[in-house]
Amino acid sequence: SKRKTIRISGDDKPPQVVKSQMMKLNGEHIKYVLSCMR
């Protein structure tokens, strides 16, 4: 994203913060998110 902010849960976050958090994800996190969605 080239936006100045990215909205997460109603808060505008700097894209660098969002990128850093997303880069931490692994397969177990994705399974966890899928489970929560179910």
Full PDB file with SEQRES, HELIX, SHEET, SSBOND, CRYST1, ORIGX, SCALE, CONECT and MASTER records, all heavy atoms in Angstrom:
SEQRES   1 A   38  SER LYS ARG LYS THR ILE ARG ILE SER GLY ASP ASP LYS          
SEQRES   2 A   38  PRO PRO GLN VAL VAL LYS SER GLN MET MET LYS LEU ASN          
SEQRES   3 A   38  GLY GLU HIS ILE LYS TYR VAL LEU SER CYS MET ARG              
HELIX    1 AA1 PRO A   15  MET A   23  1                                   9    
HELIX    2 AA2 GLY A   27  MET A   37  1                                  11    
SHEET    1 AA1 2 ILE A   6  ILE A   8  0                                        
SHEET    2 AA1 2 ASP A  11  LYS A  13 -1                                        
CRYST1    1.000    1.000    1.000  90.00  90.00  90.00 P 1           1          
ORIGX1      1.000000  0.000000  0.000000        0.00000                         
ORIGX2      0.000000  1.000000  0.000000        0.00000                         
ORIGX3      0.000000  0.000000  1.000000        0.00000                         
SCALE1      1.000000  0.000000  0.000000        0.00000                         
SCALE2      0.000000  1.000000  0.000000        0.00000                         
SCALE3      0.000000  0.000000  1.000000        0.00000                         
ATOM      1  N   SER A   1       0.816  -1.210   0.000  1.00  0.00           N  
ATOM      2  CA  SER A   1       0.000   0.000   0.000  1.00  0.00           C  
ATOM      3  C   SER A   1       0.852   1.264   0.000  1.00  0.00           C  
ATOM      4  O   SER A   1       1.856   1.351   0.713  1.00  0.00           O  
ATOM      5  CB  SER A   1      -0.926   0.009   1.216  1.00  0.00           C  
ATOM      6  OG  SER A   1      -1.668   1.210   1.245  1.00  0.00           O  
ATOM      7  N   LYS A   2       0.433   2.224  -0.771  1.00  0.00           N  
ATOM      8  CA  LYS A   2       1.107   3.524  -0.834  1.00  0.00           C  
ATOM      9  C   LYS A   2       0.307   4.599  -0.083  1.00  0.00           C  
ATOM     10  O   LYS A   2       0.651   5.767  -0.122  1.00  0.00           O  
ATOM     11  CB  LYS A   2       1.286   3.966  -2.296  1.00  0.00           C  
ATOM     12  CG  LYS A   2       2.078   2.991  -3.142  1.00  0.00           C  
ATOM     13  CD  LYS A   2       3.495   2.823  -2.642  1.00  0.00           C  
ATOM     14  CE  LYS A   2       4.267   1.897  -3.564  1.00  0.00           C  
ATOM     15  NZ  LYS A   2       5.309   1.171  -2.884  1.00  0.00           N  
ATOM     16  N   ARG A   3      -0.725   4.177   0.622  1.00  0.00           N  
ATOM     17  CA  ARG A   3      -1.549   5.118   1.388  1.00  0.00           C  
ATOM     18  C   ARG A   3      -0.748   5.690   2.554  1.00  0.00           C  
ATOM     19  O   ARG A   3       0.193   5.061   3.035  1.00  0.00           O  
ATOM     20  CB  ARG A   3      -2.790   4.409   1.901  1.00  0.00           C  
ATOM     21  CG  ARG A   3      -3.696   3.906   0.789  1.00  0.00           C  
ATOM     22  CD  ARG A   3      -4.892   3.205   1.380  1.00  0.00           C  
ATOM     23  NE  ARG A   3      -5.572   4.115   2.286  1.00  0.00           N  
ATOM     24  CZ  ARG A   3      -6.831   4.483   2.185  1.00  0.00           C  
ATOM     25  NH1 ARG A   3      -7.563   3.990   1.233  1.00  0.00           N  
ATOM     26  NH2 ARG A   3      -7.364   5.310   3.050  1.00  0.00           N  
ATOM     27  N   LYS A   4      -1.167   6.823   3.039  1.00  0.00           N  
ATOM     28  CA  LYS A   4      -0.498   7.444   4.183  1.00  0.00           C  
ATOM     29  C   LYS A   4      -0.843   6.718   5.469  1.00  0.00           C  
ATOM     30  O   LYS A   4      -0.038   6.701   6.405  1.00  0.00           O  
ATOM     31  CB  LYS A   4      -0.870   8.913   4.286  1.00  0.00           C  
ATOM     32  CG  LYS A   4      -0.294   9.739   3.162  1.00  0.00           C  
ATOM     33  CD  LYS A   4      -0.605  11.199   3.318  1.00  0.00           C  
ATOM     34  CE  LYS A   4      -0.012  11.933   2.117  1.00  0.00           C  
ATOM     35  NZ  LYS A   4      -0.118  13.356   2.248  1.00  0.00           N  
ATOM     36  N   THR A   5      -2.034   6.140   5.532  1.00  0.00           N  
ATOM     37  CA  THR A   5      -2.447   5.338   6.680  1.00  0.00           C  
ATOM     38  C   THR A   5      -3.278   4.160   6.193  1.00  0.00           C  
ATOM     39  O   THR A   5      -3.842   4.200   5.101  1.00  0.00           O  
ATOM     40  CB  THR A   5      -3.303   6.149   7.692  1.00  0.00           C  
ATOM     41  OG1 THR A   5      -4.486   6.603   7.043  1.00  0.00           O  
ATOM     42  CG2 THR A   5      -2.523   7.322   8.260  1.00  0.00           C  
ATOM     43  N   ILE A   6      -3.329   3.121   7.012  1.00  0.00           N  
ATOM     44  CA  ILE A   6      -4.176   1.954   6.741  1.00  0.00           C  
ATOM     45  C   ILE A   6      -5.068   1.771   7.960  1.00  0.00           C  
ATOM     46  O   ILE A   6      -4.578   1.724   9.088  1.00  0.00           O  
ATOM     47  CB  ILE A   6      -3.326   0.696   6.480  1.00  0.00           C  
ATOM     48  CG1 ILE A   6      -2.435   0.899   5.251  1.00  0.00           C  
ATOM     49  CG2 ILE A   6      -4.227  -0.529   6.303  1.00  0.00           C  
ATOM     50  CD1 ILE A   6      -1.445  -0.224   4.998  1.00  0.00           C  
ATOM     51  N   ARG A   7      -6.361   1.680   7.718  1.00  0.00           N  
ATOM     52  CA  ARG A   7      -7.313   1.560   8.821  1.00  0.00           C  
ATOM     53  C   ARG A   7      -7.393   0.108   9.286  1.00  0.00           C  
ATOM     54  O   ARG A   7      -7.669  -0.791   8.510  1.00  0.00           O  
ATOM     55  CB  ARG A   7      -8.684   2.045   8.394  1.00  0.00           C  
ATOM     56  CG  ARG A   7      -9.679   2.058   9.540  1.00  0.00           C  
ATOM     57  CD  ARG A   7     -10.851   2.922   9.204  1.00  0.00           C  
ATOM     58  NE  ARG A   7     -10.416   4.299   9.180  1.00  0.00           N  
ATOM     59  CZ  ARG A   7     -10.867   5.240   9.994  1.00  0.00           C  
ATOM     60  NH1 ARG A   7     -11.776   4.953  10.883  1.00  0.00           N  
ATOM     61  NH2 ARG A   7     -10.414   6.466   9.909  1.00  0.00           N  
ATOM     62  N   ILE A   8      -7.116  -0.075  10.584  1.00  0.00           N  
ATOM     63  CA  ILE A   8      -7.197  -1.387  11.224  1.00  0.00           C  
ATOM     64  C   ILE A   8      -8.065  -1.224  12.471  1.00  0.00           C  
ATOM     65  O   ILE A   8      -7.712  -0.452  13.365  1.00  0.00           O  
ATOM     66  CB  ILE A   8      -5.805  -1.923  11.642  1.00  0.00           C  
ATOM     67  CG1 ILE A   8      -4.828  -1.978  10.466  1.00  0.00           C  
ATOM     68  CG2 ILE A   8      -5.931  -3.272  12.342  1.00  0.00           C  
ATOM     69  CD1 ILE A   8      -5.074  -3.069   9.469  1.00  0.00           C  
ATOM     70  N   SER A   9      -9.177  -1.921  12.519  1.00  0.00           N  
ATOM     71  CA  SER A   9     -10.078  -1.874  13.679  1.00  0.00           C  
ATOM     72  C   SER A   9     -10.432  -0.439  14.071  1.00  0.00           C  
ATOM     73  O   SER A   9     -10.460  -0.091  15.250  1.00  0.00           O  
ATOM     74  CB  SER A   9      -9.448  -2.597  14.872  1.00  0.00           C  
ATOM     75  OG  SER A   9      -9.169  -3.928  14.555  1.00  0.00           O  
ATOM     76  N   GLY A  10     -10.676   0.400  13.083  1.00  0.00           N  
ATOM     77  CA  GLY A  10     -11.082   1.771  13.346  1.00  0.00           C  
ATOM     78  C   GLY A  10      -9.943   2.734  13.620  1.00  0.00           C  
ATOM     79  O   GLY A  10     -10.169   3.929  13.784  1.00  0.00           O  
ATOM     80  N   ASP A  11      -8.713   2.255  13.692  1.00  0.00           N  
ATOM     81  CA  ASP A  11      -7.552   3.117  13.920  1.00  0.00           C  
ATOM     82  C   ASP A  11      -6.744   3.246  12.638  1.00  0.00           C  
ATOM     83  O   ASP A  11      -6.511   2.261  11.939  1.00  0.00           O  
ATOM     84  CB  ASP A  11      -6.635   2.531  15.007  1.00  0.00           C  
ATOM     85  CG  ASP A  11      -7.244   2.568  16.387  1.00  0.00           C  
ATOM     86  OD1 ASP A  11      -8.050   3.480  16.661  1.00  0.00           O  
ATOM     87  OD2 ASP A  11      -6.909   1.691  17.191  1.00  0.00           O  
ATOM     88  N   ASP A  12      -6.304   4.452  12.359  1.00  0.00           N  
ATOM     89  CA  ASP A  12      -5.435   4.680  11.207  1.00  0.00           C  
ATOM     90  C   ASP A  12      -3.999   4.419  11.627  1.00  0.00           C  
ATOM     91  O   ASP A  12      -3.469   5.098  12.512  1.00  0.00           O  
ATOM     92  CB  ASP A  12      -5.596   6.103  10.687  1.00  0.00           C  
ATOM     93  CG  ASP A  12      -6.955   6.311  10.032  1.00  0.00           C  
ATOM     94  OD1 ASP A  12      -7.507   5.341   9.500  1.00  0.00           O  
ATOM     95  OD2 ASP A  12      -7.461   7.449  10.057  1.00  0.00           O  
ATOM     96  N   LYS A  13      -3.393   3.424  11.019  1.00  0.00           N  
ATOM     97  CA  LYS A  13      -2.026   3.013  11.356  1.00  0.00           C  
ATOM     98  C   LYS A  13      -1.077   3.421  10.228  1.00  0.00           C  
ATOM     99  O   LYS A  13      -1.441   3.370   9.050  1.00  0.00           O  
ATOM    100  CB  LYS A  13      -1.947   1.487  11.501  1.00  0.00           C  
ATOM    101  CG  LYS A  13      -2.962   0.894  12.440  1.00  0.00           C  
ATOM    102  CD  LYS A  13      -2.389   0.749  13.784  1.00  0.00           C  
ATOM    103  CE  LYS A  13      -3.358  -0.010  14.686  1.00  0.00           C  
ATOM    104  NZ  LYS A  13      -3.168   0.309  16.069  1.00  0.00           N  
ATOM    105  N   PRO A  14       0.157   3.770  10.578  1.00  0.00           N  
ATOM    106  CA  PRO A  14       1.156   4.011   9.529  1.00  0.00           C  
ATOM    107  C   PRO A  14       1.386   2.717   8.736  1.00  0.00           C  
ATOM    108  O   PRO A  14       1.407   1.629   9.314  1.00  0.00           O  
ATOM    109  CB  PRO A  14       2.415   4.388  10.312  1.00  0.00           C  
ATOM    110  CG  PRO A  14       1.947   4.779  11.673  1.00  0.00           C  
ATOM    111  CD  PRO A  14       0.693   3.995  11.920  1.00  0.00           C  
ATOM    112  N   PRO A  15       1.555   2.824   7.432  1.00  0.00           N  
ATOM    113  CA  PRO A  15       1.734   1.606   6.637  1.00  0.00           C  
ATOM    114  C   PRO A  15       2.936   0.770   7.059  1.00  0.00           C  
ATOM    115  O   PRO A  15       2.909  -0.448   6.952  1.00  0.00           O  
ATOM    116  CB  PRO A  15       1.881   2.112   5.200  1.00  0.00           C  
ATOM    117  CG  PRO A  15       2.053   3.574   5.290  1.00  0.00           C  
ATOM    118  CD  PRO A  15       1.568   4.026   6.625  1.00  0.00           C  
ATOM    119  N   GLN A  16       3.974   1.409   7.596  1.00  0.00           N  
ATOM    120  CA  GLN A  16       5.157   0.667   8.032  1.00  0.00           C  
ATOM    121  C   GLN A  16       4.816  -0.252   9.214  1.00  0.00           C  
ATOM    122  O   GLN A  16       5.360  -1.346   9.332  1.00  0.00           O  
ATOM    123  CB  GLN A  16       6.293   1.611   8.451  1.00  0.00           C  
ATOM    124  CG  GLN A  16       6.707   2.613   7.422  1.00  0.00           C  
ATOM    125  CD  GLN A  16       5.904   3.917   7.529  1.00  0.00           C  
ATOM    126  OE1 GLN A  16       4.695   3.913   7.690  1.00  0.00           O  
ATOM    127  NE2 GLN A  16       6.584   5.035   7.417  1.00  0.00           N  
ATOM    128  N   VAL A  17       3.927   0.208  10.090  1.00  0.00           N  
ATOM    129  CA  VAL A  17       3.515  -0.594  11.245  1.00  0.00           C  
ATOM    130  C   VAL A  17       2.701  -1.795  10.772  1.00  0.00           C  
ATOM    131  O   VAL A  17       2.910  -2.923  11.219  1.00  0.00           O  
ATOM    132  CB  VAL A  17       2.710   0.271  12.248  1.00  0.00           C  
ATOM    133  CG1 VAL A  17       2.093  -0.583  13.342  1.00  0.00           C  
ATOM    134  CG2 VAL A  17       3.599   1.351  12.837  1.00  0.00           C  
ATOM    135  N   VAL A  18       1.782  -1.554   9.852  1.00  0.00           N  
ATOM    136  CA  VAL A  18       0.959  -2.636   9.311  1.00  0.00           C  
ATOM    137  C   VAL A  18       1.843  -3.644   8.588  1.00  0.00           C  
ATOM    138  O   VAL A  18       1.712  -4.856   8.791  1.00  0.00           O  
ATOM    139  CB  VAL A  18      -0.138  -2.081   8.374  1.00  0.00           C  
ATOM    140  CG1 VAL A  18      -0.908  -3.205   7.705  1.00  0.00           C  
ATOM    141  CG2 VAL A  18      -1.077  -1.158   9.145  1.00  0.00           C  
ATOM    142  N   LYS A  19       2.757  -3.154   7.784  1.00  0.00           N  
ATOM    143  CA  LYS A  19       3.669  -4.030   7.047  1.00  0.00           C  
ATOM    144  C   LYS A  19       4.481  -4.884   8.009  1.00  0.00           C  
ATOM    145  O   LYS A  19       4.601  -6.105   7.828  1.00  0.00           O  
ATOM    146  CB  LYS A  19       4.599  -3.192   6.163  1.00  0.00           C  
ATOM    147  CG  LYS A  19       5.556  -3.999   5.334  1.00  0.00           C  
ATOM    148  CD  LYS A  19       6.380  -3.073   4.442  1.00  0.00           C  
ATOM    149  CE  LYS A  19       7.361  -3.824   3.605  1.00  0.00           C  
ATOM    150  NZ  LYS A  19       8.105  -2.943   2.698  1.00  0.00           N  
ATOM    151  N   SER A  20       5.022  -4.278   9.036  1.00  0.00           N  
ATOM    152  CA  SER A  20       5.818  -5.009  10.029  1.00  0.00           C  
ATOM    153  C   SER A  20       4.999  -6.119  10.685  1.00  0.00           C  
ATOM    154  O   SER A  20       5.480  -7.241  10.853  1.00  0.00           O  
ATOM    155  CB  SER A  20       6.345  -4.037  11.083  1.00  0.00           C  
ATOM    156  OG  SER A  20       6.973  -4.729  12.125  1.00  0.00           O  
ATOM    157  N   GLN A  21       3.778  -5.809  11.034  1.00  0.00           N  
ATOM    158  CA  GLN A  21       2.917  -6.802  11.689  1.00  0.00           C  
ATOM    159  C   GLN A  21       2.563  -7.947  10.729  1.00  0.00           C  
ATOM    160  O   GLN A  21       2.578  -9.119  11.115  1.00  0.00           O  
ATOM    161  CB  GLN A  21       1.655  -6.113  12.217  1.00  0.00           C  
ATOM    162  CG  GLN A  21       0.871  -6.916  13.191  1.00  0.00           C  
ATOM    163  CD  GLN A  21       1.594  -7.148  14.513  1.00  0.00           C  
ATOM    164  OE1 GLN A  21       2.704  -6.672  14.753  1.00  0.00           O  
ATOM    165  NE2 GLN A  21       0.975  -7.899  15.371  1.00  0.00           N  
ATOM    166  N   MET A  22       2.259  -7.617   9.492  1.00  0.00           N  
ATOM    167  CA  MET A  22       1.891  -8.644   8.507  1.00  0.00           C  
ATOM    168  C   MET A  22       3.085  -9.550   8.179  1.00  0.00           C  
ATOM    169  O   MET A  22       2.918 -10.731   7.943  1.00  0.00           O  
ATOM    170  CB  MET A  22       1.355  -8.002   7.223  1.00  0.00           C  
ATOM    171  CG  MET A  22       0.086  -7.208   7.407  1.00  0.00           C  
ATOM    172  SD  MET A  22      -1.246  -8.152   8.169  1.00  0.00           S  
ATOM    173  CE  MET A  22      -2.588  -7.009   8.020  1.00  0.00           C  
ATOM    174  N   MET A  23       4.283  -8.980   8.202  1.00  0.00           N  
ATOM    175  CA  MET A  23       5.472  -9.755   7.872  1.00  0.00           C  
ATOM    176  C   MET A  23       5.790 -10.783   8.961  1.00  0.00           C  
ATOM    177  O   MET A  23       6.565 -11.702   8.741  1.00  0.00           O  
ATOM    178  CB  MET A  23       6.674  -8.836   7.648  1.00  0.00           C  
ATOM    179  CG  MET A  23       6.484  -7.807   6.553  1.00  0.00           C  
ATOM    180  SD  MET A  23       6.640  -8.433   4.903  1.00  0.00           S  
ATOM    181  CE  MET A  23       8.377  -8.651   4.772  1.00  0.00           C  
ATOM    182  N   LYS A  24       5.198 -10.643  10.143  1.00  0.00           N  
ATOM    183  CA  LYS A  24       5.389 -11.601  11.234  1.00  0.00           C  
ATOM    184  C   LYS A  24       4.535 -12.860  11.071  1.00  0.00           C  
ATOM    185  O   LYS A  24       4.770 -13.852  11.761  1.00  0.00           O  
ATOM    186  CB  LYS A  24       5.023 -10.959  12.578  1.00  0.00           C  
ATOM    187  CG  LYS A  24       5.910  -9.819  12.990  1.00  0.00           C  
ATOM    188  CD  LYS A  24       5.400  -9.210  14.284  1.00  0.00           C  
ATOM    189  CE  LYS A  24       6.190  -7.983  14.674  1.00  0.00           C  
ATOM    190  NZ  LYS A  24       5.624  -7.324  15.851  1.00  0.00           N  
ATOM    191  N   LEU A  25       3.553 -12.805  10.211  1.00  0.00           N  
ATOM    192  CA  LEU A  25       2.614 -13.923  10.083  1.00  0.00           C  
ATOM    193  C   LEU A  25       3.292 -15.182   9.548  1.00  0.00           C  
ATOM    194  O   LEU A  25       4.204 -15.114   8.730  1.00  0.00           O  
ATOM    195  CB  LEU A  25       1.460 -13.540   9.154  1.00  0.00           C  
ATOM    196  CG  LEU A  25       0.533 -12.441   9.667  1.00  0.00           C  
ATOM    197  CD1 LEU A  25      -0.421 -11.995   8.562  1.00  0.00           C  
ATOM    198  CD2 LEU A  25      -0.232 -12.912  10.885  1.00  0.00           C  
ATOM    199  N   ASN A  26       2.799 -16.312  10.026  1.00  0.00           N  
ATOM    200  CA  ASN A  26       3.226 -17.611   9.502  1.00  0.00           C  
ATOM    201  C   ASN A  26       1.980 -18.470   9.282  1.00  0.00           C  
ATOM    202  O   ASN A  26       0.852 -18.011   9.508  1.00  0.00           O  
ATOM    203  CB  ASN A  26       4.241 -18.281  10.443  1.00  0.00           C  
ATOM    204  CG  ASN A  26       3.669 -18.558  11.817  1.00  0.00           C  
ATOM    205  OD1 ASN A  26       2.519 -18.976  11.971  1.00  0.00           O  
ATOM    206  ND2 ASN A  26       4.466 -18.334  12.845  1.00  0.00           N  
ATOM    207  N   GLY A  27       2.175 -19.682   8.881  1.00  0.00           N  
ATOM    208  CA  GLY A  27       1.052 -20.566   8.575  1.00  0.00           C  
ATOM    209  C   GLY A  27       0.136 -20.816   9.757  1.00  0.00           C  
ATOM    210  O   GLY A  27      -1.087 -20.938   9.591  1.00  0.00           O  
ATOM    211  N   GLU A  28       0.695 -20.893  10.949  1.00  0.00           N  
ATOM    212  CA  GLU A  28      -0.137 -21.118  12.143  1.00  0.00           C  
ATOM    213  C   GLU A  28      -1.063 -19.937  12.404  1.00  0.00           C  
ATOM    214  O   GLU A  28      -2.205 -20.126  12.830  1.00  0.00           O  
ATOM    215  CB  GLU A  28       0.735 -21.407  13.366  1.00  0.00           C  
ATOM    216  CG  GLU A  28       1.446 -22.744  13.296  1.00  0.00           C  
ATOM    217  CD  GLU A  28       0.506 -23.925  13.038  1.00  0.00           C  
ATOM    218  OE1 GLU A  28      -0.524 -24.034  13.740  1.00  0.00           O  
ATOM    219  OE2 GLU A  28       0.797 -24.720  12.129  1.00  0.00           O  
ATOM    220  N   HIS A  29      -0.581 -18.736  12.144  1.00  0.00           N  
ATOM    221  CA  HIS A  29      -1.436 -17.557  12.292  1.00  0.00           C  
ATOM    222  C   HIS A  29      -2.607 -17.618  11.311  1.00  0.00           C  
ATOM    223  O   HIS A  29      -3.739 -17.271  11.658  1.00  0.00           O  
ATOM    224  CB  HIS A  29      -0.645 -16.264  12.062  1.00  0.00           C  
ATOM    225  CG  HIS A  29       0.399 -16.010  13.090  1.00  0.00           C  
ATOM    226  ND1 HIS A  29       1.739 -15.965  12.777  1.00  0.00           N  
ATOM    227  CD2 HIS A  29       0.309 -15.795  14.421  1.00  0.00           C  
ATOM    228  CE1 HIS A  29       2.425 -15.719  13.879  1.00  0.00           C  
ATOM    229  NE2 HIS A  29       1.586 -15.610  14.901  1.00  0.00           N  
ATOM    230  N   ILE A  30      -2.330 -18.050  10.099  1.00  0.00           N  
ATOM    231  CA  ILE A  30      -3.387 -18.132   9.087  1.00  0.00           C  
ATOM    232  C   ILE A  30      -4.418 -19.183   9.493  1.00  0.00           C  
ATOM    233  O   ILE A  30      -5.627 -18.952   9.383  1.00  0.00           O  
ATOM    234  CB  ILE A  30      -2.796 -18.438   7.692  1.00  0.00           C  
ATOM    235  CG1 ILE A  30      -1.767 -17.373   7.293  1.00  0.00           C  
ATOM    236  CG2 ILE A  30      -3.905 -18.564   6.652  1.00  0.00           C  
ATOM    237  CD1 ILE A  30      -2.247 -15.937   7.306  1.00  0.00           C  
ATOM    238  N   LYS A  31      -3.973 -20.327   9.989  1.00  0.00           N  
ATOM    239  CA  LYS A  31      -4.913 -21.349  10.469  1.00  0.00           C  
ATOM    240  C   LYS A  31      -5.761 -20.819  11.619  1.00  0.00           C  
ATOM    241  O   LYS A  31      -6.956 -21.105  11.716  1.00  0.00           O  
ATOM    242  CB  LYS A  31      -4.157 -22.605  10.906  1.00  0.00           C  
ATOM    243  CG  LYS A  31      -3.568 -23.390   9.761  1.00  0.00           C  
ATOM    244  CD  LYS A  31      -2.820 -24.603  10.301  1.00  0.00           C  
ATOM    245  CE  LYS A  31      -2.079 -25.332   9.224  1.00  0.00           C  
ATOM    246  NZ  LYS A  31      -1.330 -26.489   9.758  1.00  0.00           N  
ATOM    247  N   TYR A  32      -5.136 -20.037  12.488  1.00  0.00           N  
ATOM    248  CA  TYR A  32      -5.838 -19.419  13.612  1.00  0.00           C  
ATOM    249  C   TYR A  32      -6.921 -18.468  13.101  1.00  0.00           C  
ATOM    250  O   TYR A  32      -8.070 -18.509  13.551  1.00  0.00           O  
ATOM    251  CB  TYR A  32      -4.823 -18.700  14.500  1.00  0.00           C  
ATOM    252  CG  TYR A  32      -5.380 -17.680  15.453  1.00  0.00           C  
ATOM    253  CD1 TYR A  32      -6.273 -18.040  16.457  1.00  0.00           C  
ATOM    254  CD2 TYR A  32      -4.988 -16.352  15.370  1.00  0.00           C  
ATOM    255  CE1 TYR A  32      -6.764 -17.091  17.345  1.00  0.00           C  
ATOM    256  CE2 TYR A  32      -5.465 -15.404  16.259  1.00  0.00           C  
ATOM    257  CZ  TYR A  32      -6.358 -15.776  17.234  1.00  0.00           C  
ATOM    258  OH  TYR A  32      -6.843 -14.833  18.110  1.00  0.00           O  
ATOM    259  N   VAL A  33      -6.585 -17.627  12.135  1.00  0.00           N  
ATOM    260  CA  VAL A  33      -7.560 -16.692  11.570  1.00  0.00           C  
ATOM    261  C   VAL A  33      -8.701 -17.463  10.898  1.00  0.00           C  
ATOM    262  O   VAL A  33      -9.872 -17.124  11.081  1.00  0.00           O  
ATOM    263  CB  VAL A  33      -6.882 -15.706  10.587  1.00  0.00           C  
ATOM    264  CG1 VAL A  33      -7.906 -14.923   9.780  1.00  0.00           C  
ATOM    265  CG2 VAL A  33      -5.962 -14.759  11.348  1.00  0.00           C  
ATOM    266  N   LEU A  34      -8.379 -18.496  10.149  1.00  0.00           N  
ATOM    267  CA  LEU A  34      -9.422 -19.313   9.518  1.00  0.00           C  
ATOM    268  C   LEU A  34     -10.336 -19.943  10.565  1.00  0.00           C  
ATOM    269  O   LEU A  34     -11.561 -19.969  10.400  1.00  0.00           O  
ATOM    270  CB  LEU A  34      -8.799 -20.406   8.639  1.00  0.00           C  
ATOM    271  CG  LEU A  34      -8.113 -19.950   7.359  1.00  0.00           C  
ATOM    272  CD1 LEU A  34      -7.382 -21.124   6.710  1.00  0.00           C  
ATOM    273  CD2 LEU A  34      -9.106 -19.328   6.391  1.00  0.00           C  
ATOM    274  N   SER A  35      -9.756 -20.436  11.647  1.00  0.00           N  
ATOM    275  CA  SER A  35     -10.539 -21.024  12.734  1.00  0.00           C  
ATOM    276  C   SER A  35     -11.464 -19.987  13.362  1.00  0.00           C  
ATOM    277  O   SER A  35     -12.645 -20.259  13.609  1.00  0.00           O  
ATOM    278  CB  SER A  35      -9.596 -21.606  13.790  1.00  0.00           C  
ATOM    279  OG  SER A  35     -10.319 -22.023  14.921  1.00  0.00           O  
ATOM    280  N   CYS A  36     -10.947 -18.811  13.613  1.00  0.00           N  
ATOM    281  CA  CYS A  36     -11.772 -17.739  14.186  1.00  0.00           C  
ATOM    282  C   CYS A  36     -12.903 -17.353  13.236  1.00  0.00           C  
ATOM    283  O   CYS A  36     -14.025 -17.083  13.680  1.00  0.00           O  
ATOM    284  CB  CYS A  36     -10.912 -16.521  14.507  1.00  0.00           C  
ATOM    285  SG  CYS A  36      -9.780 -16.774  15.898  1.00  0.00           S  
ATOM    286  N   MET A  37     -12.620 -17.335  11.952  1.00  0.00           N  
ATOM    287  CA  MET A  37     -13.654 -17.014  10.966  1.00  0.00           C  
ATOM    288  C   MET A  37     -14.755 -18.083  10.979  1.00  0.00           C  
ATOM    289  O   MET A  37     -15.942 -17.744  10.905  1.00  0.00           O  
ATOM    290  CB  MET A  37     -13.048 -16.918   9.564  1.00  0.00           C  
ATOM    291  CG  MET A  37     -12.068 -15.793   9.366  1.00  0.00           C  
ATOM    292  SD  MET A  37     -12.820 -14.188   9.236  1.00  0.00           S  
ATOM    293  CE  MET A  37     -13.614 -14.321   7.658  1.00  0.00           C  
ATOM    294  N   ARG A  38     -14.375 -19.342  11.096  1.00  0.00           N  
ATOM    295  CA  ARG A  38     -15.364 -20.431  11.143  1.00  0.00           C  
ATOM    296  C   ARG A  38     -16.248 -20.322  12.383  1.00  0.00           C  
ATOM    297  O   ARG A  38     -17.426 -20.640  12.345  1.00  0.00           O  
ATOM    298  CB  ARG A  38     -14.679 -21.793  11.126  1.00  0.00           C  
ATOM    299  CG  ARG A  38     -14.253 -22.266   9.752  1.00  0.00           C  
ATOM    300  CD  ARG A  38     -13.837 -23.730   9.763  1.00  0.00           C  
ATOM    301  NE  ARG A  38     -12.725 -24.009  10.657  1.00  0.00           N  
ATOM    302  CZ  ARG A  38     -11.444 -23.893  10.339  1.00  0.00           C  
ATOM    303  NH1 ARG A  38     -11.103 -23.499   9.138  1.00  0.00           N  
ATOM    304  NH2 ARG A  38     -10.501 -24.180  11.213  1.00  0.00           N  
TER     305      ARG A  38                                                      
MASTER        0    0    0    2    2    0    0    6  304    1    0    3          
END                                                                             
